[in-house]
């Protein structure tokens, strides 16, 4: 995990569960992340730094049944609007 993610919130296991074979586990992981965003326990800025999270969101649509597609697409859109530039104006990832 990158060091930019808040130290008091460990999302590594939740990110893993986004790719679980069981649909119910994937949905609960997504709901958990969305809830943490809603309650400001993590921010979009935190999540955009996590390469594995972004990959899991894209892989969401590879499963035979991909529920909550609109929520995943909305989250991906929100993440795409996050701009993280360093002091010299270069994009940080």
N, C-alpha and C. Protein backbone atom coordinates (compact mmCIF):
# COMPACT_ATOMS: atom_id res chain seq x y z
N UNK A 1 0.84 -1.18 0.00
CA UNK A 1 0.00 0.00 0.00
C UNK A 1 0.89 1.24 0.00
N UNK A 2 0.37 2.27 -0.60
CA UNK A 2 1.15 3.51 -0.61
C UNK A 2 1.01 4.20 0.73
N UNK A 3 1.94 5.08 1.03
CA UNK A 3 1.93 5.76 2.31
C UNK A 3 0.94 6.91 2.34
N UNK A 4 0.32 7.24 1.21
CA UNK A 4 -0.60 8.37 1.18
C UNK A 4 -1.96 8.05 1.79
N UNK A 5 -2.30 6.77 1.86
CA UNK A 5 -3.58 6.38 2.44
C UNK A 5 -3.52 6.60 3.95
N UNK A 6 -4.60 7.05 4.51
CA UNK A 6 -4.63 7.33 5.94
C UNK A 6 -4.15 6.13 6.73
N UNK A 7 -3.32 6.37 7.72
CA UNK A 7 -2.76 5.30 8.53
C UNK A 7 -3.80 4.63 9.42
N UNK A 8 -4.85 5.35 9.78
CA UNK A 8 -5.84 4.80 10.70
C UNK A 8 -6.95 4.02 9.99
N UNK A 9 -6.91 3.93 8.68
CA UNK A 9 -7.92 3.18 7.92
C UNK A 9 -7.19 2.20 7.01
N UNK A 10 -7.36 0.90 7.27
CA UNK A 10 -6.70 -0.12 6.46
C UNK A 10 -7.69 -0.69 5.46
N UNK A 11 -7.49 -0.37 4.20
CA UNK A 11 -8.42 -0.81 3.17
C UNK A 11 -7.88 -1.95 2.31
N UNK A 12 -6.69 -2.44 2.60
CA UNK A 12 -6.08 -3.47 1.76
C UNK A 12 -6.99 -4.69 1.63
N UNK A 13 -7.54 -5.16 2.73
CA UNK A 13 -8.42 -6.34 2.69
C UNK A 13 -9.70 -6.04 1.92
N UNK A 14 -10.22 -4.85 2.06
CA UNK A 14 -11.43 -4.48 1.33
C UNK A 14 -11.15 -4.43 -0.16
N UNK A 15 -10.00 -3.88 -0.54
CA UNK A 15 -9.63 -3.85 -1.96
C UNK A 15 -9.56 -5.27 -2.52
N UNK A 16 -8.98 -6.20 -1.74
CA UNK A 16 -8.90 -7.60 -2.17
C UNK A 16 -10.30 -8.17 -2.39
N UNK A 17 -11.20 -7.86 -1.49
CA UNK A 17 -12.56 -8.42 -1.56
C UNK A 17 -13.35 -7.89 -2.75
N UNK A 18 -12.94 -6.75 -3.31
CA UNK A 18 -13.61 -6.26 -4.52
C UNK A 18 -13.42 -7.24 -5.68
N UNK A 19 -12.41 -8.09 -5.60
CA UNK A 19 -12.14 -9.06 -6.65
C UNK A 19 -12.53 -10.48 -6.27
N UNK A 20 -13.27 -10.65 -5.18
CA UNK A 20 -13.65 -11.98 -4.70
C UNK A 20 -14.59 -12.66 -5.69
N UNK A 21 -14.53 -13.98 -5.74
CA UNK A 21 -15.40 -14.74 -6.65
C UNK A 21 -16.87 -14.66 -6.25
N UNK A 22 -17.15 -14.56 -4.95
CA UNK A 22 -18.54 -14.48 -4.50
C UNK A 22 -19.07 -13.05 -4.65
N UNK A 23 -20.16 -12.94 -5.35
CA UNK A 23 -20.76 -11.63 -5.61
C UNK A 23 -21.11 -10.89 -4.33
N UNK A 24 -21.67 -11.58 -3.36
CA UNK A 24 -22.08 -10.94 -2.11
C UNK A 24 -20.90 -10.27 -1.40
N UNK A 25 -19.76 -10.91 -1.43
CA UNK A 25 -18.56 -10.35 -0.79
C UNK A 25 -18.09 -9.11 -1.55
N UNK A 26 -18.12 -9.18 -2.88
CA UNK A 26 -17.74 -8.01 -3.69
C UNK A 26 -18.65 -6.83 -3.40
N UNK A 27 -19.94 -7.08 -3.36
CA UNK A 27 -20.92 -6.01 -3.13
C UNK A 27 -20.73 -5.40 -1.74
N UNK A 28 -20.50 -6.23 -0.73
CA UNK A 28 -20.29 -5.70 0.62
C UNK A 28 -19.01 -4.86 0.69
N UNK A 29 -17.98 -5.28 -0.02
CA UNK A 29 -16.73 -4.50 -0.04
C UNK A 29 -16.96 -3.14 -0.69
N UNK A 30 -17.69 -3.13 -1.80
CA UNK A 30 -18.00 -1.86 -2.47
C UNK A 30 -18.83 -0.96 -1.56
N UNK A 31 -19.84 -1.52 -0.93
CA UNK A 31 -20.69 -0.77 -0.02
C UNK A 31 -19.87 -0.19 1.13
N UNK A 32 -18.94 -0.98 1.63
CA UNK A 32 -18.07 -0.54 2.72
C UNK A 32 -17.24 0.67 2.30
N UNK A 33 -16.65 0.61 1.12
CA UNK A 33 -15.84 1.73 0.63
C UNK A 33 -16.69 2.97 0.41
N UNK A 34 -17.86 2.79 -0.20
CA UNK A 34 -18.75 3.93 -0.43
C UNK A 34 -19.18 4.57 0.88
N UNK A 35 -19.43 3.73 1.89
CA UNK A 35 -19.82 4.24 3.20
C UNK A 35 -18.67 5.03 3.84
N UNK A 36 -17.47 4.52 3.72
CA UNK A 36 -16.31 5.25 4.26
C UNK A 36 -16.14 6.60 3.57
N UNK A 37 -16.40 6.65 2.27
CA UNK A 37 -16.35 7.93 1.56
C UNK A 37 -17.44 8.87 2.05
N UNK A 38 -18.66 8.35 2.18
CA UNK A 38 -19.79 9.17 2.64
C UNK A 38 -19.54 9.75 4.02
N UNK A 39 -18.91 8.96 4.89
CA UNK A 39 -18.67 9.40 6.26
C UNK A 39 -17.30 10.07 6.43
N UNK A 40 -16.65 10.31 5.30
CA UNK A 40 -15.37 11.04 5.28
C UNK A 40 -14.26 10.35 6.08
N UNK A 41 -14.32 9.01 6.13
CA UNK A 41 -13.23 8.26 6.76
C UNK A 41 -12.06 8.10 5.80
N UNK A 42 -12.36 8.15 4.51
CA UNK A 42 -11.34 8.20 3.46
C UNK A 42 -11.82 9.23 2.44
N UNK A 43 -10.90 9.69 1.64
CA UNK A 43 -11.26 10.66 0.61
C UNK A 43 -10.97 10.09 -0.77
N UNK A 44 -11.51 10.73 -1.78
CA UNK A 44 -11.20 10.33 -3.15
C UNK A 44 -9.70 10.48 -3.40
N UNK A 45 -9.11 11.50 -2.82
CA UNK A 45 -7.66 11.71 -2.95
C UNK A 45 -6.90 10.50 -2.40
N UNK A 46 -7.35 9.95 -1.27
CA UNK A 46 -6.71 8.75 -0.71
C UNK A 46 -6.83 7.58 -1.68
N UNK A 47 -8.03 7.39 -2.21
CA UNK A 47 -8.29 6.22 -3.06
C UNK A 47 -7.59 6.30 -4.40
N UNK A 48 -7.47 7.48 -4.96
CA UNK A 48 -6.86 7.61 -6.29
C UNK A 48 -5.39 7.21 -6.26
N UNK A 49 -4.78 7.24 -5.11
CA UNK A 49 -3.38 6.85 -4.96
C UNK A 49 -3.18 5.33 -4.98
N UNK A 50 -4.26 4.59 -4.84
CA UNK A 50 -4.18 3.14 -4.69
C UNK A 50 -4.39 2.43 -6.02
N UNK A 51 -3.30 2.04 -6.64
CA UNK A 51 -3.35 1.39 -7.95
C UNK A 51 -4.21 0.11 -7.92
N UNK A 52 -4.06 -0.69 -6.87
CA UNK A 52 -4.81 -1.94 -6.79
C UNK A 52 -6.32 -1.69 -6.72
N UNK A 53 -6.70 -0.62 -6.07
CA UNK A 53 -8.12 -0.26 -5.98
C UNK A 53 -8.66 0.09 -7.36
N UNK A 54 -7.91 0.88 -8.10
CA UNK A 54 -8.36 1.29 -9.44
C UNK A 54 -8.48 0.07 -10.36
N UNK A 55 -7.54 -0.84 -10.25
CA UNK A 55 -7.60 -2.07 -11.06
C UNK A 55 -8.83 -2.88 -10.69
N UNK A 56 -9.10 -3.02 -9.40
CA UNK A 56 -10.28 -3.79 -8.95
C UNK A 56 -11.58 -3.18 -9.47
N UNK A 57 -11.65 -1.85 -9.51
CA UNK A 57 -12.86 -1.21 -10.03
C UNK A 57 -13.06 -1.56 -11.51
N UNK A 58 -11.98 -1.54 -12.27
CA UNK A 58 -12.09 -1.90 -13.69
C UNK A 58 -12.45 -3.37 -13.86
N UNK A 59 -11.88 -4.22 -13.01
CA UNK A 59 -12.16 -5.66 -13.09
C UNK A 59 -13.58 -6.00 -12.67
N UNK A 60 -14.25 -5.10 -11.98
CA UNK A 60 -15.62 -5.32 -11.51
C UNK A 60 -16.51 -5.81 -12.66
N UNK A 61 -16.27 -5.27 -13.84
CA UNK A 61 -17.13 -5.56 -14.99
C UNK A 61 -16.74 -6.85 -15.71
N UNK A 62 -15.69 -7.52 -15.27
CA UNK A 62 -15.27 -8.78 -15.87
C UNK A 62 -16.03 -9.98 -15.32
N UNK A 63 -16.71 -9.81 -14.20
CA UNK A 63 -17.45 -10.91 -13.60
C UNK A 63 -18.74 -11.14 -14.38
N UNK A 64 -19.21 -12.41 -14.43
CA UNK A 64 -20.43 -12.72 -15.18
C UNK A 64 -21.63 -11.88 -14.73
N UNK A 65 -21.71 -11.65 -13.43
CA UNK A 65 -22.78 -10.80 -12.90
C UNK A 65 -22.11 -9.65 -12.16
N UNK A 66 -22.28 -8.46 -12.65
CA UNK A 66 -21.66 -7.28 -12.04
C UNK A 66 -22.75 -6.33 -11.57
N UNK A 67 -23.25 -6.54 -10.34
CA UNK A 67 -24.27 -5.64 -9.81
C UNK A 67 -23.68 -4.28 -9.47
N UNK A 68 -24.55 -3.34 -9.19
CA UNK A 68 -24.16 -1.98 -8.78
C UNK A 68 -23.23 -1.32 -9.80
N UNK A 69 -23.49 -1.58 -11.06
CA UNK A 69 -22.65 -1.01 -12.11
C UNK A 69 -22.68 0.52 -12.10
N UNK A 70 -23.85 1.08 -11.87
CA UNK A 70 -23.94 2.55 -11.88
C UNK A 70 -23.13 3.16 -10.74
N UNK A 71 -23.11 2.49 -9.57
CA UNK A 71 -22.32 2.99 -8.44
C UNK A 71 -20.83 2.94 -8.75
N UNK A 72 -20.39 1.85 -9.39
CA UNK A 72 -18.97 1.71 -9.73
C UNK A 72 -18.58 2.75 -10.79
N UNK A 73 -19.43 2.92 -11.79
CA UNK A 73 -19.14 3.92 -12.83
C UNK A 73 -19.11 5.32 -12.23
N UNK A 74 -20.04 5.61 -11.33
CA UNK A 74 -20.06 6.92 -10.67
C UNK A 74 -18.79 7.14 -9.85
N UNK A 75 -18.37 6.13 -9.12
CA UNK A 75 -17.14 6.23 -8.33
C UNK A 75 -15.93 6.44 -9.24
N UNK A 76 -15.87 5.71 -10.35
CA UNK A 76 -14.77 5.88 -11.29
C UNK A 76 -14.78 7.29 -11.87
N UNK A 77 -15.95 7.81 -12.15
CA UNK A 77 -16.05 9.19 -12.65
C UNK A 77 -15.53 10.18 -11.61
N UNK A 78 -15.98 10.01 -10.36
CA UNK A 78 -15.52 10.91 -9.30
C UNK A 78 -14.00 10.85 -9.15
N UNK A 79 -13.44 9.64 -9.23
CA UNK A 79 -11.99 9.48 -9.13
C UNK A 79 -11.28 10.15 -10.29
N UNK A 80 -11.91 10.11 -11.46
CA UNK A 80 -11.28 10.73 -12.64
C UNK A 80 -11.23 12.25 -12.53
N UNK A 81 -12.03 12.82 -11.65
CA UNK A 81 -12.07 14.27 -11.48
C UNK A 81 -11.07 14.77 -10.44
N UNK A 82 -10.40 13.83 -9.75
CA UNK A 82 -9.41 14.20 -8.73
C UNK A 82 -8.11 14.56 -9.43
N UNK A 83 -7.60 15.72 -9.12
CA UNK A 83 -6.33 16.17 -9.69
C UNK A 83 -5.34 16.33 -8.55
N UNK A 84 -4.24 15.66 -8.65
CA UNK A 84 -3.22 15.70 -7.60
C UNK A 84 -1.91 16.15 -8.22
N UNK A 85 -1.56 17.39 -8.01
CA UNK A 85 -0.36 17.95 -8.60
C UNK A 85 0.65 18.28 -7.51
N UNK A 86 1.91 18.08 -7.81
CA UNK A 86 2.95 18.46 -6.85
C UNK A 86 3.22 19.96 -6.95
N UNK A 87 4.17 20.44 -6.17
CA UNK A 87 4.44 21.88 -6.11
C UNK A 87 4.95 22.45 -7.44
N UNK A 88 5.43 21.58 -8.34
CA UNK A 88 5.92 22.04 -9.64
C UNK A 88 4.88 21.90 -10.74
N UNK A 89 3.69 21.47 -10.37
CA UNK A 89 2.62 21.35 -11.35
C UNK A 89 2.58 20.02 -12.08
N UNK A 90 3.42 19.08 -11.67
CA UNK A 90 3.42 17.75 -12.30
C UNK A 90 2.40 16.86 -11.61
N UNK A 91 1.74 16.02 -12.39
CA UNK A 91 0.74 15.12 -11.83
C UNK A 91 1.43 14.04 -11.02
N UNK A 92 0.91 13.80 -9.82
CA UNK A 92 1.42 12.73 -8.94
C UNK A 92 0.48 11.56 -9.00
N UNK A 93 1.02 10.38 -8.96
CA UNK A 93 0.19 9.18 -8.88
C UNK A 93 0.66 8.33 -7.76
